[in-house]
């Protein structure tokens, strides 16, 4: 499994933003990711820090696609478009 590094958190009025690095087979992939307050509540019910939810999102994605296929910039809600099961499965990863 690739290594995931969730960087510094920036908070806005509606979401958190993170720089995330994924280390996979000698390559580093960088991403700018946002997590809305609503998705955070849905997936974690406030039990863990938002950065852990972002980490879980990446583990979820990396179980389904190669690191090369993950967008450089995205909001975690976009995962639903490609993997509708995320709302049921992600809470178990948090």
PDB file of N, CA and C in Angstrom:
ATOM      1  N   UNK A   1       0.850  -1.186   0.000  1.00  0.00           N
ATOM      2  CA  UNK A   1       0.000   0.000   0.000  1.00  0.00           C
ATOM      3  C   UNK A   1       0.892   1.244   0.000  1.00  0.00           C
ATOM      4  N   UNK A   2       0.564   2.213  -0.822  1.00  0.00           N
ATOM      5  CA  UNK A   2       1.313   3.465  -0.833  1.00  0.00           C
ATOM      6  C   UNK A   2       1.242   4.175   0.522  1.00  0.00           C
ATOM      7  N   UNK A   3       2.227   5.000   0.788  1.00  0.00           N
ATOM      8  CA  UNK A   3       2.254   5.794   2.018  1.00  0.00           C
ATOM      9  C   UNK A   3       1.565   7.128   1.762  1.00  0.00           C
ATOM     10  N   UNK A   4       0.737   7.561   2.718  1.00  0.00           N
ATOM     11  CA  UNK A   4      -0.034   8.798   2.581  1.00  0.00           C
ATOM     12  C   UNK A   4       0.438   9.774   3.657  1.00  0.00           C
ATOM     13  N   UNK A   5       0.703  11.001   3.259  1.00  0.00           N
ATOM     14  CA  UNK A   5       1.093  12.050   4.199  1.00  0.00           C
ATOM     15  C   UNK A   5       0.129  13.222   4.049  1.00  0.00           C
ATOM     16  N   UNK A   6      -0.687  13.444   5.066  1.00  0.00           N
ATOM     17  CA  UNK A   6      -1.635  14.555   5.053  1.00  0.00           C
ATOM     18  C   UNK A   6      -0.951  15.744   5.715  1.00  0.00           C
ATOM     19  N   UNK A   7      -0.824  16.839   4.960  1.00  0.00           N
ATOM     20  CA  UNK A   7      -0.099  18.017   5.437  1.00  0.00           C
ATOM     21  C   UNK A   7      -0.938  18.938   6.297  1.00  0.00           C
ATOM     22  N   UNK A   8      -0.492  20.155   6.383  1.00  0.00           N
ATOM     23  CA  UNK A   8      -1.092  21.175   7.227  1.00  0.00           C
ATOM     24  C   UNK A   8      -2.532  21.472   6.829  1.00  0.00           C
ATOM     25  N   UNK A   9      -3.352  21.694   7.838  1.00  0.00           N
ATOM     26  CA  UNK A   9      -4.778  21.977   7.650  1.00  0.00           C
ATOM     27  C   UNK A   9      -5.017  23.475   7.532  1.00  0.00           C
ATOM     28  N   UNK A  10      -5.854  23.855   6.573  1.00  0.00           N
ATOM     29  CA  UNK A  10      -6.332  25.230   6.440  1.00  0.00           C
ATOM     30  C   UNK A  10      -7.848  25.172   6.521  1.00  0.00           C
ATOM     31  N   UNK A  11      -8.434  25.987   7.401  1.00  0.00           N
ATOM     32  CA  UNK A  11      -9.889  25.976   7.581  1.00  0.00           C
ATOM     33  C   UNK A  11     -10.508  27.219   6.963  1.00  0.00           C
ATOM     34  N   UNK A  12     -11.632  27.032   6.267  1.00  0.00           N
ATOM     35  CA  UNK A  12     -12.410  28.148   5.723  1.00  0.00           C
ATOM     36  C   UNK A  12     -13.786  28.122   6.390  1.00  0.00           C
ATOM     37  N   UNK A  13     -14.710  28.897   5.861  1.00  0.00           N
ATOM     38  CA  UNK A  13     -16.056  28.951   6.433  1.00  0.00           C
ATOM     39  C   UNK A  13     -16.855  27.674   6.174  1.00  0.00           C
ATOM     40  N   UNK A  14     -16.460  26.882   5.165  1.00  0.00           N
ATOM     41  CA  UNK A  14     -17.258  25.715   4.779  1.00  0.00           C
ATOM     42  C   UNK A  14     -16.491  24.399   4.714  1.00  0.00           C
ATOM     43  N   UNK A  15     -15.161  24.469   4.760  1.00  0.00           N
ATOM     44  CA  UNK A  15     -14.378  23.239   4.575  1.00  0.00           C
ATOM     45  C   UNK A  15     -12.956  23.389   5.120  1.00  0.00           C
ATOM     46  N   UNK A  16     -12.265  22.268   5.132  1.00  0.00           N
ATOM     47  CA  UNK A  16     -10.837  22.239   5.413  1.00  0.00           C
ATOM     48  C   UNK A  16     -10.106  21.940   4.112  1.00  0.00           C
ATOM     49  N   UNK A  17      -8.873  22.418   3.993  1.00  0.00           N
ATOM     50  CA  UNK A  17      -8.051  22.130   2.818  1.00  0.00           C
ATOM     51  C   UNK A  17      -6.721  21.547   3.290  1.00  0.00           C
ATOM     52  N   UNK A  18      -6.202  20.625   2.499  1.00  0.00           N
ATOM     53  CA  UNK A  18      -4.947  19.935   2.837  1.00  0.00           C
ATOM     54  C   UNK A  18      -4.102  19.744   1.592  1.00  0.00           C
ATOM     55  N   UNK A  19      -2.802  19.770   1.796  1.00  0.00           N
ATOM     56  CA  UNK A  19      -1.864  19.277   0.793  1.00  0.00           C
ATOM     57  C   UNK A  19      -1.563  17.842   1.202  1.00  0.00           C
ATOM     58  N   UNK A  20      -1.725  16.923   0.273  1.00  0.00           N
ATOM     59  CA  UNK A  20      -1.522  15.507   0.560  1.00  0.00           C
ATOM     60  C   UNK A  20      -0.463  14.979  -0.400  1.00  0.00           C
ATOM     61  N   UNK A  21       0.445  14.185   0.150  1.00  0.00           N
ATOM     62  CA  UNK A  21       1.443  13.525  -0.689  1.00  0.00           C
ATOM     63  C   UNK A  21       1.256  12.020  -0.570  1.00  0.00           C
ATOM     64  N   UNK A  22       1.333  11.359  -1.708  1.00  0.00           N
ATOM     65  CA  UNK A  22       1.244   9.908  -1.760  1.00  0.00           C
ATOM     66  C   UNK A  22       2.562   9.392  -2.336  1.00  0.00           C
ATOM     67  N   UNK A  23       3.215   8.525  -1.579  1.00  0.00           N
ATOM     68  CA  UNK A  23       4.472   7.929  -2.002  1.00  0.00           C
ATOM     69  C   UNK A  23       4.174   6.508  -2.470  1.00  0.00           C
ATOM     70  N   UNK A  24       4.432   6.258  -3.752  1.00  0.00           N
ATOM     71  CA  UNK A  24       4.069   4.973  -4.331  1.00  0.00           C
ATOM     72  C   UNK A  24       5.121   4.549  -5.349  1.00  0.00           C
ATOM     73  N   UNK A  25       5.755   3.432  -5.113  1.00  0.00           N
ATOM     74  CA  UNK A  25       6.723   2.835  -6.021  1.00  0.00           C
ATOM     75  C   UNK A  25       7.785   3.839  -6.477  1.00  0.00           C
ATOM     76  N   UNK A  26       8.346   4.552  -5.514  1.00  0.00           N
ATOM     77  CA  UNK A  26       9.417   5.493  -5.802  1.00  0.00           C
ATOM     78  C   UNK A  26       8.973   6.832  -6.362  1.00  0.00           C
ATOM     79  N   UNK A  27       7.691   7.031  -6.510  1.00  0.00           N
ATOM     80  CA  UNK A  27       7.169   8.292  -7.029  1.00  0.00           C
ATOM     81  C   UNK A  27       6.379   9.010  -5.945  1.00  0.00           C
ATOM     82  N   UNK A  28       6.369  10.345  -6.035  1.00  0.00           N
ATOM     83  CA  UNK A  28       5.593  11.165  -5.119  1.00  0.00           C
ATOM     84  C   UNK A  28       4.499  11.871  -5.907  1.00  0.00           C
ATOM     85  N   UNK A  29       3.264  11.708  -5.457  1.00  0.00           N
ATOM     86  CA  UNK A  29       2.105  12.366  -6.064  1.00  0.00           C
ATOM     87  C   UNK A  29       1.615  13.418  -5.077  1.00  0.00           C
ATOM     88  N   UNK A  30       1.416  14.636  -5.553  1.00  0.00           N
ATOM     89  CA  UNK A  30       0.937  15.702  -4.671  1.00  0.00           C
ATOM     90  C   UNK A  30      -0.489  16.085  -5.043  1.00  0.00           C
ATOM     91  N   UNK A  31      -1.268  16.387  -4.023  1.00  0.00           N
ATOM     92  CA  UNK A  31      -2.684  16.695  -4.197  1.00  0.00           C
ATOM     93  C   UNK A  31      -3.069  17.857  -3.288  1.00  0.00           C
ATOM     94  N   UNK A  32      -4.015  18.638  -3.747  1.00  0.00           N
ATOM     95  CA  UNK A  32      -4.660  19.672  -2.925  1.00  0.00           C
ATOM     96  C   UNK A  32      -6.099  19.220  -2.774  1.00  0.00           C
ATOM     97  N   UNK A  33      -6.520  18.945  -1.541  1.00  0.00           N
ATOM     98  CA  UNK A  33      -7.804  18.305  -1.277  1.00  0.00           C
ATOM     99  C   UNK A  33      -8.598  19.135  -0.285  1.00  0.00           C
ATOM    100  N   UNK A  34      -9.910  19.217  -0.520  1.00  0.00           N
ATOM    101  CA  UNK A  34     -10.790  19.865   0.444  1.00  0.00           C
ATOM    102  C   UNK A  34     -11.786  18.842   0.984  1.00  0.00           C
ATOM    103  N   UNK A  35     -12.207  19.082   2.204  1.00  0.00           N
ATOM    104  CA  UNK A  35     -13.198  18.239   2.885  1.00  0.00           C
ATOM    105  C   UNK A  35     -14.237  19.158   3.498  1.00  0.00           C
ATOM    106  N   UNK A  36     -15.477  19.042   3.041  1.00  0.00           N
ATOM    107  CA  UNK A  36     -16.539  19.902   3.577  1.00  0.00           C
ATOM    108  C   UNK A  36     -16.899  19.484   4.997  1.00  0.00           C
ATOM    109  N   UNK A  37     -17.435  20.423   5.738  1.00  0.00           N
ATOM    110  CA  UNK A  37     -17.894  20.123   7.093  1.00  0.00           C
ATOM    111  C   UNK A  37     -18.978  19.042   7.062  1.00  0.00           C
ATOM    112  N   UNK A  38     -19.846  19.071   6.040  1.00  0.00           N
ATOM    113  CA  UNK A  38     -20.937  18.096   5.937  1.00  0.00           C
ATOM    114  C   UNK A  38     -20.401  16.677   5.722  1.00  0.00           C
ATOM    115  N   UNK A  39     -19.451  16.522   4.806  1.00  0.00           N
ATOM    116  CA  UNK A  39     -18.899  15.185   4.580  1.00  0.00           C
ATOM    117  C   UNK A  39     -18.117  14.699   5.794  1.00  0.00           C
ATOM    118  N   UNK A  40     -17.421  15.598   6.450  1.00  0.00           N
ATOM    119  CA  UNK A  40     -16.716  15.237   7.680  1.00  0.00           C
ATOM    120  C   UNK A  40     -17.699  14.662   8.703  1.00  0.00           C
ATOM    121  N   UNK A  41     -18.806  15.353   8.911  1.00  0.00           N
ATOM    122  CA  UNK A  41     -19.811  14.873   9.875  1.00  0.00           C
ATOM    123  C   UNK A  41     -20.419  13.546   9.441  1.00  0.00           C
ATOM    124  N   UNK A  42     -20.713  13.410   8.156  1.00  0.00           N
ATOM    125  CA  UNK A  42     -21.313  12.185   7.639  1.00  0.00           C
ATOM    126  C   UNK A  42     -20.383  10.985   7.834  1.00  0.00           C
ATOM    127  N   UNK A  43     -19.105  11.168   7.525  1.00  0.00           N
ATOM    128  CA  UNK A  43     -18.165  10.043   7.540  1.00  0.00           C
ATOM    129  C   UNK A  43     -17.555   9.762   8.900  1.00  0.00           C
ATOM    130  N   UNK A  44     -17.478  10.775   9.772  1.00  0.00           N
ATOM    131  CA  UNK A  44     -16.797  10.535  11.054  1.00  0.00           C
ATOM    132  C   UNK A  44     -17.649  10.814  12.279  1.00  0.00           C
ATOM    133  N   UNK A  45     -18.763  11.539  12.103  1.00  0.00           N
ATOM    134  CA  UNK A  45     -19.606  11.957  13.237  1.00  0.00           C
ATOM    135  C   UNK A  45     -18.791  12.703  14.290  1.00  0.00           C
ATOM    136  N   UNK A  46     -17.732  13.386  13.836  1.00  0.00           N
ATOM    137  CA  UNK A  46     -16.917  14.191  14.740  1.00  0.00           C
ATOM    138  C   UNK A  46     -16.009  13.408  15.671  1.00  0.00           C
ATOM    139  N   UNK A  47     -15.848  12.102  15.435  1.00  0.00           N
ATOM    140  CA  UNK A  47     -15.054  11.248  16.340  1.00  0.00           C
ATOM    141  C   UNK A  47     -13.549  11.418  16.191  1.00  0.00           C
ATOM    142  N   UNK A  48     -13.092  11.860  15.025  1.00  0.00           N
ATOM    143  CA  UNK A  48     -11.652  11.955  14.753  1.00  0.00           C
ATOM    144  C   UNK A  48     -11.367  13.304  14.100  1.00  0.00           C
ATOM    145  N   UNK A  49     -10.108  13.714  14.065  1.00  0.00           N
ATOM    146  CA  UNK A  49      -9.772  14.960  13.376  1.00  0.00           C
ATOM    147  C   UNK A  49     -10.061  14.854  11.868  1.00  0.00           C
ATOM    148  N   UNK A  50     -10.374  15.965  11.238  1.00  0.00           N
ATOM    149  CA  UNK A  50     -10.652  15.948   9.801  1.00  0.00           C
ATOM    150  C   UNK A  50      -9.511  15.352   8.966  1.00  0.00           C
ATOM    151  N   UNK A  51      -8.292  15.547   9.392  1.00  0.00           N
ATOM    152  CA  UNK A  51      -7.152  14.998   8.642  1.00  0.00           C
ATOM    153  C   UNK A  51      -7.218  13.471   8.556  1.00  0.00           C
ATOM    154  N   UNK A  52      -7.773  12.825   9.564  1.00  0.00           N
ATOM    155  CA  UNK A  52      -7.926  11.368   9.525  1.00  0.00           C
ATOM    156  C   UNK A  52      -8.976  10.947   8.502  1.00  0.00           C
ATOM    157  N   UNK A  53      -9.980  11.775   8.306  1.00  0.00           N
ATOM    158  CA  UNK A  53     -10.986  11.484   7.289  1.00  0.00           C
ATOM    159  C   UNK A  53     -10.355  11.610   5.903  1.00  0.00           C
ATOM    160  N   UNK A  54      -9.529  12.617   5.705  1.00  0.00           N
ATOM    161  CA  UNK A  54      -8.829  12.775   4.426  1.00  0.00           C
ATOM    162  C   UNK A  54      -7.921  11.572   4.182  1.00  0.00           C
ATOM    163  N   UNK A  55      -7.209  11.128   5.197  1.00  0.00           N
ATOM    164  CA  UNK A  55      -6.370   9.932   5.071  1.00  0.00           C
ATOM    165  C   UNK A  55      -7.220   8.728   4.671  1.00  0.00           C
ATOM    166  N   UNK A  56      -8.370   8.574   5.296  1.00  0.00           N
ATOM    167  CA  UNK A  56      -9.270   7.460   4.964  1.00  0.00           C
ATOM    168  C   UNK A  56      -9.770   7.566   3.528  1.00  0.00           C
ATOM    169  N   UNK A  57     -10.039   8.781   3.077  1.00  0.00           N
ATOM    170  CA  UNK A  57     -10.466   8.976   1.682  1.00  0.00           C
ATOM    171  C   UNK A  57      -9.392   8.471   0.722  1.00  0.00           C
ATOM    172  N   UNK A  58      -8.148   8.781   1.012  1.00  0.00           N
ATOM    173  CA  UNK A  58      -7.062   8.324   0.142  1.00  0.00           C
ATOM    174  C   UNK A  58      -6.885   6.811   0.217  1.00  0.00           C
ATOM    175  N   UNK A  59      -7.013   6.226   1.393  1.00  0.00           N
ATOM    176  CA  UNK A  59      -6.913   4.763   1.484  1.00  0.00           C
ATOM    177  C   UNK A  59      -8.043   4.109   0.688  1.00  0.00           C
ATOM    178  N   UNK A  60      -9.246   4.682   0.800  1.00  0.00           N
ATOM    179  CA  UNK A  60     -10.392   4.194   0.040  1.00  0.00           C
ATOM    180  C   UNK A  60     -10.092   4.250  -1.461  1.00  0.00           C
ATOM    181  N   UNK A  61      -9.612   5.397  -1.924  1.00  0.00           N
ATOM    182  CA  UNK A  61      -9.317   5.556  -3.348  1.00  0.00           C
ATOM    183  C   UNK A  61      -8.206   4.620  -3.814  1.00  0.00           C
ATOM    184  N   UNK A  62      -7.149   4.515  -3.021  1.00  0.00           N
ATOM    185  CA  UNK A  62      -6.001   3.697  -3.422  1.00  0.00           C
ATOM    186  C   UNK A  62      -6.332   2.206  -3.442  1.00  0.00           C
ATOM    187  N   UNK A  63      -7.369   1.802  -2.740  1.00  0.00           N
ATOM    188  CA  UNK A  63      -7.839   0.413  -2.822  1.00  0.00           C
ATOM    189  C   UNK A  63      -8.569   0.143  -4.140  1.00  0.00           C
ATOM    190  N   UNK A  64      -8.936   1.219  -4.840  1.00  0.00           N
ATOM    191  CA  UNK A  64      -9.755   1.082  -6.045  1.00  0.00           C
ATOM    192  C   UNK A  64      -9.081   1.553  -7.329  1.00  0.00           C
ATOM    193  N   UNK A  65      -8.036   2.366  -7.199  1.00  0.00           N
ATOM    194  CA  UNK A  65      -7.363   2.890  -8.387  1.00  0.00           C
ATOM    195  C   UNK A  65      -5.909   3.221  -8.070  1.00  0.00           C
ATOM    196  N   UNK A  66      -5.063   3.253  -9.106  1.00  0.00           N
ATOM    197  CA  UNK A  66      -3.660   3.587  -8.871  1.00  0.00           C
ATOM    198  C   UNK A  66      -3.489   5.056  -8.492  1.00  0.00           C
ATOM    199  N   UNK A  67      -2.411   5.342  -7.794  1.00  0.00           N
ATOM    200  CA  UNK A  67      -2.128   6.709  -7.358  1.00  0.00           C
ATOM    201  C   UNK A  67      -2.075   7.671  -8.542  1.00  0.00           C
ATOM    202  N   UNK A  68      -1.603   7.213  -9.682  1.00  0.00           N
ATOM    203  CA  UNK A  68      -1.535   8.058 -10.883  1.00  0.00           C
ATOM    204  C   UNK A  68      -2.902   8.560 -11.332  1.00  0.00           C
ATOM    205  N   UNK A  69      -3.964   7.839 -11.013  1.00  0.00           N
ATOM    206  CA  UNK A  69      -5.303   8.195 -11.482  1.00  0.00           C
ATOM    207  C   UNK A  69      -6.042   9.166 -10.559  1.00  0.00           C
ATOM    208  N   UNK A  70      -5.494   9.453  -9.406  1.00  0.00           N
ATOM    209  CA  UNK A  70      -6.163  10.363  -8.469  1.00  0.00           C
ATOM    210  C   UNK A  70      -5.876  11.798  -8.885  1.00  0.00           C
ATOM    211  N   UNK A  71      -6.913  12.585  -8.988  1.00  0.00           N
ATOM    212  CA  UNK A  71      -6.788  13.994  -9.408  1.00  0.00           C
ATOM    213  C   UNK A  71      -5.848  14.766  -8.494  1.00  0.00           C
ATOM    214  N   UNK A  72      -5.218  15.794  -9.044  1.00  0.00           N
ATOM    215  CA  UNK A  72      -4.322  16.645  -8.249  1.00  0.00           C
ATOM    216  C   UNK A  72      -5.092  17.576  -7.324  1.00  0.00           C
ATOM    217  N   UNK A  73      -6.272  18.030  -7.755  1.00  0.00           N
ATOM    218  CA  UNK A  73      -7.104  18.944  -6.972  1.00  0.00           C
ATOM    219  C   UNK A  73      -8.526  18.401  -6.965  1.00  0.00           C
ATOM    220  N   UNK A  74      -9.085  18.206  -5.761  1.00  0.00           N
ATOM    221  CA  UNK A  74     -10.478  17.762  -5.696  1.00  0.00           C
ATOM    222  C   UNK A  74     -11.048  17.939  -4.299  1.00  0.00           C
ATOM    223  N   UNK A  75     -12.372  18.000  -4.249  1.00  0.00           N
ATOM    224  CA  UNK A  75     -13.083  17.960  -2.983  1.00  0.00           C
ATOM    225  C   UNK A  75     -13.471  16.499  -2.745  1.00  0.00           C
ATOM    226  N   UNK A  76     -13.394  16.054  -1.532  1.00  0.00           N
ATOM    227  CA  UNK A  76     -13.678  14.650  -1.221  1.00  0.00           C
ATOM    228  C   UNK A  76     -15.071  14.209  -1.653  1.00  0.00           C
ATOM    229  N   UNK A  77     -15.992  15.136  -1.771  1.00  0.00           N
ATOM    230  CA  UNK A  77     -17.346  14.777  -2.203  1.00  0.00           C
ATOM    231  C   UNK A  77     -17.359  14.196  -3.611  1.00  0.00           C
ATOM    232  N   UNK A  78     -16.383  14.518  -4.436  1.00  0.00           N
ATOM    233  CA  UNK A  78     -16.340  14.013  -5.816  1.00  0.00           C
ATOM    234  C   UNK A  78     -16.168  12.489  -5.854  1.00  0.00           C
ATOM    235  N   UNK A  79     -15.688  11.924  -4.782  1.00  0.00           N
ATOM    236  CA  UNK A  79     -15.498  10.470  -4.728  1.00  0.00           C
ATOM    237  C   UNK A  79     -16.832   9.760  -4.993  1.00  0.00           C
ATOM    238  N   UNK A  80     -17.934  10.332  -4.529  1.00  0.00           N
ATOM    239  CA  UNK A  80     -19.271   9.738  -4.728  1.00  0.00           C
ATOM    240  C   UNK A  80     -19.614   9.525  -6.198  1.00  0.00           C
ATOM    241  N   UNK A  81     -19.138  10.419  -7.055  1.00  0.00           N
ATOM    242  CA  UNK A  81     -19.449  10.304  -8.485  1.00  0.00           C
ATOM    243  C   UNK A  81     -18.894   9.017  -9.084  1.00  0.00           C
ATOM    244  N   UNK A  82     -17.757   8.607  -8.589  1.00  0.00           N
ATOM    245  CA  UNK A  82     -17.075   7.438  -9.143  1.00  0.00           C
ATOM    246  C   UNK A  82     -17.311   6.172  -8.317  1.00  0.00           C
ATOM    247  N   UNK A  83     -17.497   6.368  -7.018  1.00  0.00           N
ATOM    248  CA  UNK A  83     -17.669   5.241  -6.098  1.00  0.00           C
ATOM    249  C   UNK A  83     -18.821   5.548  -5.150  1.00  0.00           C
ATOM    250  N   UNK A  84     -20.056   5.306  -5.578  1.00  0.00           N
ATOM    251  CA  UNK A  84     -21.213   5.658  -4.751  1.00  0.00           C
ATOM    252  C   UNK A  84     -21.247   4.942  -3.404  1.00  0.00           C
ATOM    253  N   UNK A  85     -20.507   3.866  -3.266  1.00  0.00           N
ATOM    254  CA  UNK A  85     -20.488   3.123  -2.002  1.00  0.00           C
ATOM    255  C   UNK A  85     -19.676   3.819  -0.906  1.00  0.00           C
ATOM    256  N   UNK A  86     -19.033   4.940  -1.231  1.00  0.00           N
ATOM    257  CA  UNK A  86     -18.154   5.607  -0.273  1.00  0.00           C
ATOM    258  C   UNK A  86     -18.876   5.969   1.029  1.00  0.00           C
ATOM    259  N   UNK A  87     -20.128   6.416   0.955  1.00  0.00           N
ATOM    260  CA  UNK A  87     -20.833   6.830   2.167  1.00  0.00           C
ATOM    261  C   UNK A  87     -21.066   5.673   3.134  1.00  0.00           C
ATOM    262  N   UNK A  88     -21.198   4.476   2.601  1.00  0.00           N
ATOM    263  CA  UNK A  88     -21.390   3.300   3.465  1.00  0.00           C
ATOM    264  C   UNK A  88     -20.049   2.729   3.955  1.00  0.00           C
ATOM    265  N   UNK A  89     -19.032   2.795   3.124  1.00  0.00           N
ATOM    266  CA  UNK A  89     -17.772   2.117   3.450  1.00  0.00           C
ATOM    267  C   UNK A  89     -16.745   2.977   4.170  1.00  0.00           C
ATOM    268  N   UNK A  90     -16.717   4.266   3.886  1.00  0.00           N
ATOM    269  CA  UNK A  90     -15.673   5.118   4.464  1.00  0.00           C
ATOM    270  C   UNK A  90     -15.718   5.208   5.994  1.00  0.00           C
ATOM    271  N   UNK A  91     -16.906   5.294   6.620  1.00  0.00           N
ATOM    272  CA  UNK A  91     -16.912   5.386   8.095  1.00  0.00           C
ATOM    273  C   UNK A  91     -16.149   4.250   8.783  1.00  0.00           C
ATOM    274  N   UNK A  92     -16.096   3.085   8.191  1.00  0.00           N
ATOM    275  CA  UNK A  92     -15.362   1.965   8.788  1.00  0.00           C
ATOM    276  C   UNK A  92     -13.853   2.168   8.689  1.00  0.00           C
ATOM    277  N   UNK A  93     -13.400   3.031   7.792  1.00  0.00           N
ATOM    278  CA  UNK A  93     -11.966   3.297   7.623  1.00  0.00           C
ATOM    279  C   UNK A  93     -11.465   4.419   8.504  1.00  0.00           C
ATOM    280  N   UNK A  94     -12.399   5.197   9.049  1.00  0.00           N
ATOM    281  CA  UNK A  94     -12.028   6.370   9.859  1.00  0.00           C
ATOM    282  C   UNK A  94     -11.652   5.934  11.250  1.00  0.00           C
TER     283      UNK A  94
END
